[in-house]
Protein backbone atom coordinates (compact mmCIF):
# COMPACT_ATOMS: atom_id res chain seq x y z
CA MET A 1 37.20 16.16 -30.08
CA THR A 2 34.42 16.18 -32.66
CA HIS A 3 31.43 18.43 -33.27
CA THR A 4 28.08 17.21 -34.53
CA PRO A 5 25.56 19.33 -36.44
CA THR A 6 23.47 21.78 -34.42
CA LEU A 7 20.30 20.30 -32.91
CA GLN A 8 17.12 22.32 -33.13
CA THR A 9 14.46 22.28 -30.39
CA LYS A 10 12.01 24.63 -28.75
CA VAL A 11 13.16 24.23 -25.15
CA LEU A 12 16.45 22.91 -23.78
CA ILE A 13 16.14 21.73 -20.17
CA VAL A 14 19.39 21.35 -18.26
CA GLY A 15 18.99 18.81 -15.45
CA ALA A 16 16.73 15.75 -15.31
CA GLY A 17 15.85 15.82 -11.63
CA PRO A 18 12.23 16.23 -10.52
CA ALA A 19 11.95 19.90 -11.56
CA GLY A 20 13.38 19.27 -15.02
CA LEU A 21 11.29 16.14 -15.50
CA ALA A 22 8.12 18.00 -14.47
CA LEU A 23 8.84 20.74 -16.99
CA ALA A 24 9.52 18.18 -19.73
CA ILE A 25 6.23 16.41 -18.95
CA GLU A 26 4.25 19.66 -19.07
CA LEU A 27 5.79 20.50 -22.45
CA GLY A 28 5.57 16.96 -23.76
CA HIS A 29 1.88 16.65 -22.92
CA ARG A 30 1.30 19.65 -25.16
CA ALA A 31 3.56 18.39 -27.99
CA ILE A 32 6.24 21.07 -27.47
CA PRO A 33 9.63 19.76 -28.76
CA CYS A 34 12.21 19.82 -25.99
CA LEU A 35 15.59 18.29 -25.19
CA LEU A 36 16.32 17.26 -21.59
CA ILE A 37 20.00 16.78 -20.75
CA GLU A 38 21.49 15.34 -17.55
CA ARG A 39 25.17 15.01 -16.69
CA ASN A 40 24.53 12.05 -14.34
CA ASP A 41 22.58 8.83 -14.69
CA ARG A 42 20.42 9.68 -11.61
CA VAL A 43 20.97 6.24 -10.13
CA GLY A 44 22.02 5.93 -6.50
CA TYR A 45 21.13 5.30 -2.88
CA ALA A 46 21.08 8.92 -1.68
CA PRO A 47 17.78 9.55 0.14
CA ARG A 48 17.22 13.12 -1.01
CA ALA A 49 13.48 13.77 -0.66
CA LYS A 50 11.17 11.06 0.65
CA THR A 51 7.80 12.84 0.74
CA THR A 52 5.77 13.26 -2.43
CA ASN A 53 3.10 15.57 -1.12
CA VAL A 54 -0.60 15.86 -1.91
CA ARG A 55 -0.17 18.59 -4.51
CA THR A 56 2.61 16.77 -6.36
CA ARG A 57 0.57 13.58 -6.41
CA GLU A 58 -2.27 15.63 -7.95
CA HIS A 59 0.09 16.67 -10.74
CA LEU A 60 0.99 13.02 -11.28
CA ARG A 61 -2.71 12.21 -11.47
CA ARG A 62 -3.12 14.90 -14.11
CA TRP A 63 -0.20 13.37 -16.04
CA GLY A 64 -1.75 9.90 -15.75
CA ILE A 65 1.02 8.34 -13.64
CA ALA A 66 -0.27 8.53 -10.05
CA ASP A 67 -1.05 4.81 -10.13
CA GLN A 68 2.47 4.01 -11.34
CA LEU A 69 3.94 5.90 -8.40
CA ARG A 70 1.53 4.13 -6.05
CA ALA A 71 2.71 0.77 -7.39
CA ALA A 72 6.36 1.78 -6.91
CA SER A 73 5.91 2.36 -3.17
CA PRO A 74 8.70 0.29 -1.57
CA LEU A 75 6.99 -0.04 1.81
CA GLY A 76 3.49 -0.57 0.41
CA ILE A 77 0.91 2.14 -0.08
CA ASP A 78 -0.87 1.20 3.16
CA TYR A 79 2.27 1.48 5.30
CA PRO A 80 1.37 3.90 8.13
CA SER A 81 2.93 7.34 7.75
CA ASN A 82 3.47 7.78 11.46
CA VAL A 83 6.28 9.87 12.93
CA VAL A 84 7.53 8.58 16.27
CA PHE A 85 9.51 10.64 18.76
CA CYS A 86 11.50 8.54 21.21
CA THR A 87 14.71 8.76 23.19
CA ARG A 88 16.24 5.95 21.10
CA LEU A 89 14.90 3.30 18.80
CA ASN A 90 15.03 0.86 21.73
CA GLY A 91 14.26 3.59 24.27
CA HIS A 92 11.33 5.44 25.78
CA PRO A 93 8.45 6.75 23.65
CA LEU A 94 7.75 10.50 23.80
CA THR A 95 4.92 11.14 21.34
CA ARG A 96 3.78 10.30 17.83
CA ILE A 97 2.07 12.07 14.94
CA GLU A 98 -0.15 9.80 12.88
CA ASN A 99 -0.84 10.14 9.16
CA ALA A 100 1.97 12.68 8.79
CA MET A 101 1.91 14.50 5.44
CA TYR A 102 -1.57 12.99 4.71
CA CYS A 103 -0.23 9.76 3.21
CA ALA A 104 -3.21 7.61 4.22
CA PRO A 105 -5.08 6.24 1.17
CA GLY A 106 -8.75 7.00 0.70
CA HIS A 107 -10.98 9.81 -0.53
CA ASN A 108 -10.63 13.19 1.12
CA PRO A 109 -12.89 16.00 -0.07
CA LEU A 110 -10.01 18.49 0.04
CA TYR A 111 -7.74 16.77 -2.48
CA SER A 112 -7.74 14.21 -5.27
CA GLU A 113 -4.57 12.32 -4.25
CA HIS A 114 -3.06 11.45 -0.89
CA ALA A 115 0.66 11.99 -0.28
CA GLN A 116 3.20 9.18 -0.47
CA TRP A 117 6.37 8.23 1.41
CA ILE A 118 8.75 7.14 -1.35
CA PRO A 119 12.43 7.87 -2.10
CA GLN A 120 13.07 10.61 -4.61
CA TYR A 121 14.98 8.27 -6.90
CA ALA A 122 11.85 6.10 -7.20
CA VAL A 123 9.78 9.18 -8.06
CA GLU A 124 12.34 10.12 -10.69
CA GLU A 125 12.19 6.63 -12.19
CA VAL A 126 8.41 6.88 -12.65
CA MET A 127 8.62 10.39 -14.08
CA ARG A 128 11.53 9.49 -16.34
CA ALA A 129 9.73 6.43 -17.71
CA HIS A 130 6.78 8.67 -18.55
CA VAL A 131 8.98 11.28 -20.21
CA GLN A 132 10.38 8.59 -22.48
CA THR A 133 6.85 7.86 -23.79
CA LEU A 134 6.34 11.46 -24.95
CA PRO A 135 7.19 11.81 -28.66
CA SER A 136 8.20 15.48 -28.48
CA VAL A 137 10.70 14.99 -25.62
CA GLU A 138 14.25 13.72 -26.06
CA LEU A 139 16.25 12.72 -22.97
CA ARG A 140 20.05 12.48 -23.03
CA PHE A 141 22.16 11.38 -20.08
CA ASN A 142 25.91 11.99 -19.68
CA ALA A 143 25.43 15.38 -21.34
CA GLU A 144 26.67 18.55 -19.64
CA LEU A 145 26.04 22.18 -20.52
CA ALA A 146 29.36 23.79 -21.47
CA SER A 147 28.16 27.29 -22.39
CA LEU A 148 25.16 29.28 -23.56
CA GLU A 149 24.74 32.39 -25.64
CA GLN A 150 21.54 34.37 -26.06
CA THR A 151 20.71 35.62 -29.52
CA GLY A 152 17.96 37.98 -30.57
CA THR A 153 15.56 35.11 -31.24
CA GLY A 154 16.72 32.27 -29.00
CA VAL A 155 19.58 30.58 -27.21
CA LEU A 156 22.59 28.71 -28.60
CA ALA A 157 24.03 26.16 -26.15
CA GLN A 158 27.18 24.09 -26.32
CA VAL A 159 26.80 20.67 -24.72
CA LYS A 160 29.56 18.21 -23.84
CA ASP A 161 28.95 14.50 -24.29
CA LEU A 162 30.56 13.00 -21.17
CA ALA A 163 30.37 9.47 -22.59
CA GLY A 164 32.69 10.43 -25.42
CA ASP A 165 35.00 13.26 -26.41
CA ASN A 166 32.31 15.15 -28.26
CA HIS A 167 30.54 18.49 -28.17
CA PHE A 168 27.28 19.34 -29.86
CA SER A 169 25.33 22.56 -30.28
CA VAL A 170 21.67 23.10 -29.45
CA ALA A 171 19.66 25.99 -30.85
CA CYS A 172 16.48 26.58 -28.88
CA ASP A 173 13.84 29.23 -28.29
CA TYR A 174 14.20 28.94 -24.49
CA LEU A 175 16.64 27.31 -22.06
CA VAL A 176 15.74 26.29 -18.51
CA GLY A 177 18.24 25.52 -15.76
CA ALA A 178 16.98 22.71 -13.55
CA ASP A 179 20.58 21.86 -12.67
CA GLY A 180 20.46 22.06 -8.90
CA ALA A 181 22.30 23.89 -6.16
CA ARG A 182 25.51 24.33 -8.16
CA SER A 183 23.63 25.51 -11.24
CA ALA A 184 25.82 26.33 -14.23
CA VAL A 185 22.82 28.04 -15.84
CA ARG A 186 22.44 30.33 -12.82
CA THR A 187 26.09 31.32 -13.15
CA ALA A 188 25.71 31.86 -16.90
CA ILE A 189 22.92 34.43 -16.47
CA GLY A 190 24.67 36.20 -13.60
CA ALA A 191 22.13 35.31 -10.94
CA THR A 192 23.42 35.05 -7.38
CA MET A 193 22.08 33.32 -4.27
CA SER A 194 21.65 35.25 -1.04
CA GLY A 195 20.46 34.38 2.42
CA SER A 196 21.84 32.18 5.18
CA TYR A 197 24.37 29.48 4.31
CA GLY A 198 25.32 26.79 6.80
CA LEU A 199 22.39 26.78 9.23
CA SER A 200 23.59 23.30 10.22
CA ARG A 201 25.79 20.43 9.08
CA ASN A 202 24.14 17.02 8.84
CA TYR A 203 24.74 13.55 7.43
CA ASN A 204 22.73 11.05 5.44
CA VAL A 205 23.71 7.45 5.98
CA VAL A 206 21.92 4.73 4.03
CA PHE A 207 22.34 1.22 5.40
CA ARG A 208 20.89 -2.26 5.25
CA ALA A 209 19.88 -3.87 8.56
CA PRO A 210 17.80 -7.07 8.37
CA GLY A 211 15.57 -7.38 11.40
CA LEU A 212 15.82 -3.78 12.58
CA ALA A 213 12.09 -3.17 12.10
CA GLN A 214 11.36 -6.01 14.53
CA ALA A 215 14.09 -5.04 17.01
CA HIS A 216 12.33 -2.04 18.56
CA PRO A 217 9.01 -1.55 20.40
CA HIS A 218 7.60 1.54 18.66
CA GLY A 219 5.73 -0.06 15.77
CA PRO A 220 5.87 0.89 12.10
CA ALA A 221 6.58 4.51 11.19
CA ILE A 222 8.17 6.45 8.35
CA MET A 223 10.66 8.11 10.68
CA TYR A 224 11.77 7.96 14.26
CA TRP A 225 13.19 11.07 15.90
CA GLN A 226 15.76 9.96 18.46
CA ILE A 227 15.93 12.62 21.18
CA ASN A 228 18.99 11.92 23.30
CA GLY A 229 22.14 13.65 24.45
CA ASP A 230 24.53 11.38 22.55
CA VAL A 231 23.45 11.31 18.90
CA PRO A 232 20.26 13.31 18.26
CA SER A 233 19.11 11.99 14.92
CA LEU A 234 16.39 10.74 12.62
CA ILE A 235 16.14 7.15 11.42
CA GLY A 236 13.59 5.30 9.33
CA PRO A 237 12.85 2.70 6.65
CA MET A 238 13.58 3.85 3.13
CA ASP A 239 13.35 1.04 0.62
CA ARG A 240 12.92 -2.66 0.10
CA GLY A 241 15.54 -5.07 1.36
CA ASP A 242 15.66 -3.70 4.92
CA THR A 243 17.16 -0.44 3.66
CA TRP A 244 17.10 2.39 6.18
CA PHE A 245 18.29 5.98 6.42
CA PHE A 246 20.06 7.50 9.43
CA MET A 247 20.40 11.27 9.76
CA PRO A 248 22.42 12.74 12.62
CA THR A 249 21.62 16.45 12.75
CA GLN A 250 23.50 19.61 13.68
CA MET A 251 26.94 18.00 13.62
CA GLY A 252 29.96 19.85 14.92
CA GLU A 253 32.25 21.64 12.49
CA GLY A 254 34.80 19.26 11.00
CA HIS A 255 33.04 16.13 12.25
CA LYS A 256 33.01 13.53 9.48
CA ILE A 257 31.18 10.21 9.41
CA THR A 258 32.90 7.55 7.37
CA ALA A 259 31.40 4.27 6.23
CA GLU A 260 33.63 2.56 8.79
CA GLU A 261 32.49 4.77 11.68
CA ALA A 262 28.79 4.84 10.84
CA PRO A 263 27.80 1.38 12.23
CA ALA A 264 29.03 2.20 15.72
CA LEU A 265 27.27 5.58 15.64
CA ILE A 266 23.99 3.98 14.52
CA ARG A 267 24.22 1.40 17.32
CA GLN A 268 24.94 4.14 19.84
CA ALA A 269 22.04 6.27 18.66
CA THR A 270 19.52 3.41 18.54
CA GLY A 271 20.74 1.34 21.47
CA ILE A 272 20.36 -1.73 19.24
CA ASP A 273 23.32 -3.97 18.45
CA ILE A 274 22.47 -5.55 15.11
CA PRO A 275 24.52 -6.44 12.02
CA LEU A 276 24.28 -3.74 9.38
CA GLU A 277 25.85 -2.81 6.06
CA VAL A 278 26.51 0.83 5.17
CA LEU A 279 25.57 1.61 1.57
CA SER A 280 26.44 5.31 1.44
CA THR A 281 27.30 8.34 3.57
CA ASP A 282 27.16 11.95 2.51
CA GLU A 283 27.28 15.26 4.28
CA TRP A 284 24.74 17.98 3.58
CA VAL A 285 24.49 21.54 4.76
CA ALA A 286 21.16 23.17 5.59
CA SER A 287 20.83 26.69 4.19
CA ARG A 288 18.22 29.26 3.26
CA LEU A 289 19.21 30.75 -0.09
CA ILE A 290 17.26 32.32 -2.94
CA ALA A 291 18.37 33.72 -6.29
CA ASP A 292 18.18 37.45 -6.96
CA LYS A 293 16.55 36.71 -10.31
CA TYR A 294 14.94 33.64 -11.87
CA SER A 295 15.49 34.55 -15.50
CA LYS A 296 17.35 36.62 -18.02
CA LYS A 297 15.66 37.12 -21.37
CA ARG A 298 15.07 33.57 -22.69
CA VAL A 299 16.80 31.63 -19.90
CA PHE A 300 14.97 30.55 -16.73
CA LEU A 301 15.78 28.79 -13.44
CA VAL A 302 13.63 26.23 -11.59
CA GLY A 303 14.00 24.13 -8.45
CA ASP A 304 17.21 24.12 -6.41
CA ALA A 305 18.85 26.27 -9.07
CA CYS A 306 16.97 29.26 -7.64
CA HIS A 307 16.01 28.31 -4.06
CA LEU A 308 17.47 26.14 -1.29
CA HIS A 309 16.13 25.49 2.19
CA PRO A 310 16.27 22.88 4.97
CA PRO A 311 14.35 19.68 4.15
CA PHE A 312 12.19 19.69 7.28
CA GLY A 313 8.58 19.74 6.12
CA GLY A 314 9.31 17.86 2.90
CA TYR A 315 8.92 20.86 0.63
CA GLY A 316 12.06 20.86 -1.55
CA MET A 317 11.39 18.35 -4.34
CA ASN A 318 7.70 19.22 -4.36
CA MET A 319 8.42 22.93 -4.76
CA GLY A 320 10.75 22.22 -7.69
CA ILE A 321 8.06 20.15 -9.43
CA ALA A 322 5.59 23.01 -8.92
CA ASP A 323 8.12 25.39 -10.54
CA GLY A 324 8.28 23.12 -13.58
CA VAL A 325 4.48 23.01 -13.78
CA ASP A 326 4.11 26.80 -13.58
CA LEU A 327 6.79 27.55 -16.16
CA GLY A 328 5.80 24.65 -18.41
CA TRP A 329 2.29 25.80 -19.32
CA LYS A 330 3.45 29.39 -19.70
CA LEU A 331 6.23 28.46 -22.14
CA THR A 332 3.65 26.37 -24.01
CA ALA A 333 1.30 29.35 -24.27
CA VAL A 334 3.99 31.62 -25.67
CA LEU A 335 5.35 29.02 -28.10
CA GLN A 336 1.84 28.24 -29.35
CA GLY A 337 1.02 31.91 -29.76
CA TRP A 338 -1.65 32.42 -27.10
CA GLY A 339 0.59 33.79 -24.34
CA GLY A 340 2.62 36.99 -24.07
CA GLN A 341 5.80 38.15 -22.35
CA THR A 342 3.85 39.19 -19.26
CA LEU A 343 2.86 35.55 -18.83
CA LEU A 344 6.53 34.53 -18.77
CA ASP A 345 7.35 37.39 -16.40
CA SER A 346 4.64 36.12 -14.06
CA TYR A 347 6.63 32.92 -13.42
CA GLU A 348 8.94 34.65 -10.95
CA GLN A 349 6.23 37.00 -9.71
CA GLU A 350 4.07 34.03 -8.75
CA ARG A 351 6.68 31.58 -7.54
CA ARG A 352 9.00 33.84 -5.52
CA PRO A 353 6.42 34.69 -2.80
CA VAL A 354 5.60 30.97 -2.51
CA HIS A 355 9.29 30.13 -2.18
CA GLU A 356 9.77 32.78 0.52
CA PHE A 357 6.74 31.54 2.47
CA VAL A 358 7.73 27.87 2.27
CA MET A 359 11.38 28.59 3.04
CA ASP A 360 10.34 30.41 6.21
CA GLU A 361 8.29 27.37 7.23
CA ALA A 362 11.25 25.05 6.59
CA VAL A 363 13.62 27.24 8.59
CA ALA A 364 11.14 27.34 11.49
CA ASN A 365 10.99 23.54 11.43
CA HIS A 366 14.79 23.34 11.31
CA ALA A 367 14.97 25.41 14.51
CA MET A 368 13.37 22.52 16.43
CA LEU A 369 15.65 19.50 15.97
CA GLY A 370 16.89 16.88 18.40
CA LYS A 371 19.32 19.14 20.23
CA GLN A 372 16.58 21.68 20.91
CA LEU A 373 14.10 19.01 22.02
CA TRP A 374 16.50 17.18 24.38
CA GLN A 375 16.44 17.80 28.13
CA GLU A 376 18.68 16.32 30.79
CA GLY A 377 16.95 13.46 32.57
CA LEU A 378 14.81 12.49 29.60
CA GLU A 379 16.16 8.94 29.61
CA ASP A 380 16.00 8.42 33.38
CA ALA A 381 14.03 5.29 34.34
CA THR A 382 12.37 7.09 37.26
CA GLU A 383 9.03 8.71 38.04
CA ALA A 384 10.66 12.10 37.48
CA GLY A 385 11.96 10.88 34.12
CA GLU A 386 8.48 9.65 33.18
CA ARG A 387 6.92 13.02 34.08
CA LEU A 388 9.57 14.82 32.04
CA ARG A 389 8.95 12.58 29.04
CA THR A 390 5.22 13.33 29.26
CA GLU A 391 5.88 17.07 29.40
CA VAL A 392 8.45 17.04 26.61
CA GLY A 393 6.27 14.78 24.46
CA ALA A 394 3.37 17.20 24.73
CA ARG A 395 5.60 20.12 23.73
CA ILE A 396 7.03 18.18 20.79
CA HIS A 397 3.57 17.24 19.54
CA VAL A 398 2.47 20.88 19.40
CA ALA A 399 5.75 22.17 17.97
CA LYS A 400 6.01 19.55 15.23
CA LEU A 401 2.45 19.86 13.92
CA ARG A 402 3.91 22.69 11.84
CA GLU A 403 6.19 20.18 10.12
CA PHE A 404 3.92 17.19 9.61
CA ASN A 405 0.35 18.59 9.38
CA THR A 406 0.85 21.18 6.67
CA LEU A 407 -2.13 21.09 4.31
CA GLY A 408 -2.50 24.84 4.67
CA VAL A 409 0.99 25.24 3.19
CA VAL A 410 0.76 22.48 0.58
CA LEU A 411 -2.62 23.53 -0.86
CA GLY A 412 -3.14 27.01 0.55
CA TYR A 413 -0.52 28.94 -1.43
CA ARG A 414 -1.95 31.34 -3.97
CA TYR A 415 -1.08 33.75 -6.76
CA ASP A 416 -3.56 36.54 -5.97
CA GLN A 417 -0.96 39.26 -6.69
CA SER A 418 -0.10 37.82 -10.09
CA PRO A 419 -0.31 40.11 -13.15
CA VAL A 420 -2.16 37.34 -15.03
CA VAL A 421 -4.91 36.84 -12.43
CA VAL A 422 -8.07 38.99 -12.48
CA SER A 423 -9.04 40.07 -8.99
CA ASP A 424 -12.74 40.12 -8.15
CA GLY A 425 -12.26 42.27 -5.07
CA THR A 426 -12.74 39.44 -2.57
CA GLN A 427 -10.22 38.55 0.08
CA PRO A 428 -8.72 35.03 0.28
CA PRO A 429 -8.85 33.13 3.57
CA ALA A 430 -6.26 33.93 6.22
CA ARG A 431 -3.08 31.89 5.86
CA ASP A 432 -2.83 28.93 8.24
CA PHE A 433 -0.16 26.24 8.05
CA ILE A 434 -2.43 23.43 9.31
CA ASN A 435 -5.91 24.33 8.20
CA TYR A 436 -6.65 24.55 4.49
CA LEU A 437 -9.85 26.40 3.65
CA PRO A 438 -10.66 25.92 -0.06
CA SER A 439 -11.38 29.16 -1.87
CA ALA A 440 -12.01 30.08 -5.50
CA CYS A 441 -10.72 33.60 -4.88
CA PRO A 442 -8.71 34.31 -8.06
CA GLY A 443 -5.12 33.11 -7.73
CA SER A 444 -6.05 30.27 -5.37
CA LEU A 445 -5.94 26.58 -6.17
CA ALA A 446 -9.31 25.58 -7.60
CA PRO A 447 -11.31 23.92 -4.79
CA HIS A 448 -11.50 20.16 -5.15
CA ALA A 449 -14.66 18.07 -5.06
CA TRP A 450 -15.65 14.48 -5.72
CA LEU A 451 -18.44 14.20 -8.28
CA HIS A 452 -21.38 11.86 -7.90
CA ASP A 453 -19.95 9.40 -10.44
CA GLY A 454 -16.92 8.92 -8.18
CA SER A 455 -14.54 10.96 -10.33
CA SER A 456 -12.53 13.95 -9.17
CA LEU A 457 -13.59 17.36 -10.45
CA TYR A 458 -9.95 17.82 -11.44
CA ASP A 459 -10.21 14.83 -13.80
CA HIS A 460 -12.53 16.89 -16.00
CA PHE A 461 -10.26 19.92 -16.36
CA GLY A 462 -8.56 20.42 -19.73
CA LYS A 463 -4.86 20.60 -20.61
CA CYS A 464 -5.12 24.35 -21.09
CA PHE A 465 -7.86 26.62 -19.76
CA THR A 466 -11.10 25.24 -18.34
CA LEU A 467 -14.37 27.11 -17.92
CA LEU A 468 -16.25 25.60 -14.98
CA ALA A 469 -19.90 26.57 -15.34
CA ALA A 470 -22.56 26.22 -12.68
CA TYR A 471 -25.28 23.64 -13.19
CA ASP A 472 -27.81 26.34 -14.12
CA ALA A 473 -25.70 28.32 -16.61
CA GLU A 474 -27.48 28.89 -19.92
CA PRO A 475 -26.21 26.80 -22.87
CA GLN A 476 -26.03 29.82 -25.17
CA VAL A 477 -23.71 31.59 -22.72
CA LEU A 478 -21.39 28.58 -22.71
CA ALA A 479 -21.39 28.63 -26.51
CA GLN A 480 -20.49 32.32 -26.44
CA ALA A 481 -17.62 31.61 -24.04
CA GLN A 482 -16.26 28.86 -26.27
CA ALA A 483 -16.55 31.07 -29.34
CA SER A 484 -14.69 33.93 -27.63
CA ALA A 485 -11.81 31.60 -26.76
CA ASP A 486 -11.73 30.16 -30.26
CA SER A 487 -11.60 33.61 -31.82
CA ALA A 488 -8.71 34.53 -29.52
CA GLY A 489 -6.87 31.32 -30.39
CA ILE A 490 -6.92 30.15 -26.77
CA PRO A 491 -7.53 26.45 -26.04
CA LEU A 492 -10.56 26.12 -23.77
CA LYS A 493 -12.56 23.21 -22.40
CA VAL A 494 -16.04 24.02 -21.07
CA ILE A 495 -17.46 21.76 -18.35
CA GLN A 496 -20.78 21.94 -16.53
CA PRO A 497 -21.05 19.34 -13.77
CA GLN A 498 -24.55 19.00 -12.37
CA GLU A 499 -23.55 18.88 -8.70
CA HIS A 500 -25.30 21.93 -7.24
CA VAL A 501 -22.77 22.23 -4.43
CA LEU A 502 -20.08 23.42 -6.84
CA LYS A 503 -21.80 26.77 -7.28
CA ASP A 504 -21.59 27.31 -3.52
CA LEU A 505 -18.04 25.97 -3.35
CA TYR A 506 -16.83 28.33 -6.08
CA GLN A 507 -19.11 31.24 -5.13
CA ALA A 508 -19.58 31.95 -8.84
CA SER A 509 -21.48 30.78 -11.88
CA PHE A 510 -18.41 30.94 -14.13
CA THR A 511 -14.79 30.19 -13.20
CA LEU A 512 -11.79 30.16 -15.54
CA ILE A 513 -9.21 27.68 -14.34
CA ARG A 514 -5.63 27.67 -15.60
CA PRO A 515 -3.69 24.63 -16.80
CA ASP A 516 -2.05 24.39 -13.35
CA GLN A 517 -5.52 24.23 -11.72
CA HIS A 518 -5.36 27.72 -10.20
CA VAL A 519 -8.27 30.13 -10.61
CA ALA A 520 -7.58 32.91 -13.14
CA TRP A 521 -10.99 34.62 -13.09
CA ARG A 522 -14.50 34.10 -11.76
CA GLY A 523 -17.82 35.88 -12.05
CA HIS A 524 -21.56 35.57 -11.58
CA THR A 525 -22.05 36.44 -15.24
CA TRP A 526 -19.96 35.91 -18.34
CA PRO A 527 -18.20 39.21 -19.22
CA ASP A 528 -19.55 41.44 -21.98
CA GLN A 529 -16.00 41.87 -23.29
CA PRO A 530 -14.34 38.49 -22.76
CA GLN A 531 -11.39 39.40 -24.99
CA GLN A 532 -10.14 41.70 -22.21
CA VAL A 533 -10.21 38.79 -19.76
CA TRP A 534 -8.41 36.47 -22.19
CA ALA A 535 -5.74 39.10 -22.86
CA HIS A 536 -5.22 39.68 -19.14
CA ILE A 537 -4.89 36.05 -18.04
CA CYS A 538 -2.65 35.17 -21.01
CA GLY A 539 -0.35 38.15 -20.53
CA LEU A 540 -1.30 39.75 -23.84
CA ASP A 541 -2.59 43.11 -22.58
CA HIS A 542 0.69 44.75 -21.58
């Protein structure tokens, strides 16, 4: 075993999944040196997440890679994101939800990017390719964290090179664990997960079946829920080459599905006898778990390392990316000298309530799977069976809106209780999982709008703070705002679009928008003492 000289970097990120990649991109876009290590090569068939939601696609737009992800869509960007509920793939239809997750292309006033149905590994490939273009980011595969030790001024990590019999040391200012459900970083800082483990046992089977899309009568969809008494399950197209996923849910304890057994089970569930090739099978357990702390001194946790929940609703990967975004700009601020410890503390204070809210939504969705939706007689080819299917279909449609029409969850989360948000005394809109009502109430996501030149308002925001001024704001006031930021050493971009509607949309003449596009402060006039506002929103006043 050999040791190489100690590497020096600002941030060491352990785990190059979506959360770790998002964090690396946020840091890399602001020229913060960071090392991203991953024990695996991230290549495989496992489905993991398949929904890149509206908010995540907006982050990709901000990073300049939304078009690359669009081009990587294996089914085509115009493939309909319908969800079909049927008794079997060759059986009776029950109901359908169209444009699930808001994947349909086209301009929507509420957001700048539509969602996309695409396997997580394809998302990772696009993000990873972008990371490798960022000069301040180094990515190393086959590298595993062996240990970490916090010093008074940073973290010293020992990393094992799995491709050889080598160890190397990394000295960094901060270390972030994006290393998943079995996080070694979580263990190292003494954080523990609590909640409900083992809500259900389920399987992912990935298989190739030429002609399956043409062998059933339900038309194209991203997933088909098969509601029957034999094998309640989900099935759907996943990738090019007639690659599909099959997910039997709520399996009995001890029931295993081998690659040899899977074809017969798929044929039984679908009612379609077609040649197929199993590519992978893996068991997964649905749980609701959250860490008791997200950090210790200079070490932080993001993504599955600090929260786990059932995948129903498509929140998991997207929530991990949002963690990386939130922590990324805050680490940047501290490392560049314009953010304080309170800003870093706000990471958990902002993200934990969002995690709890989204996890509750996912658990509620998990409570309504195939076994709960099935009723005896549902497959009967009789008038009574037809009436039952109509009744059950109507109930399913209402119950599953909470899973597939979720803009109120995806865009409606907010940080109004954050210590780095300045309240203006107004109340945000009531929380609603379907309906998203844009609001510039501090802590909320900045309301989106399309400008008259066809661009998104978001396209004009800066990498750090943005001051959005109303069309009628006085130029000298804008100059004063810029000067106050400059004197405080805070990067600020001032924009003044001429669309009059923005003043009504934001209910203010001046709005300070954070790097993550959330509102930090708003007012009808620029403050007499702006340094107090800057100190508050950058965590420098505590």
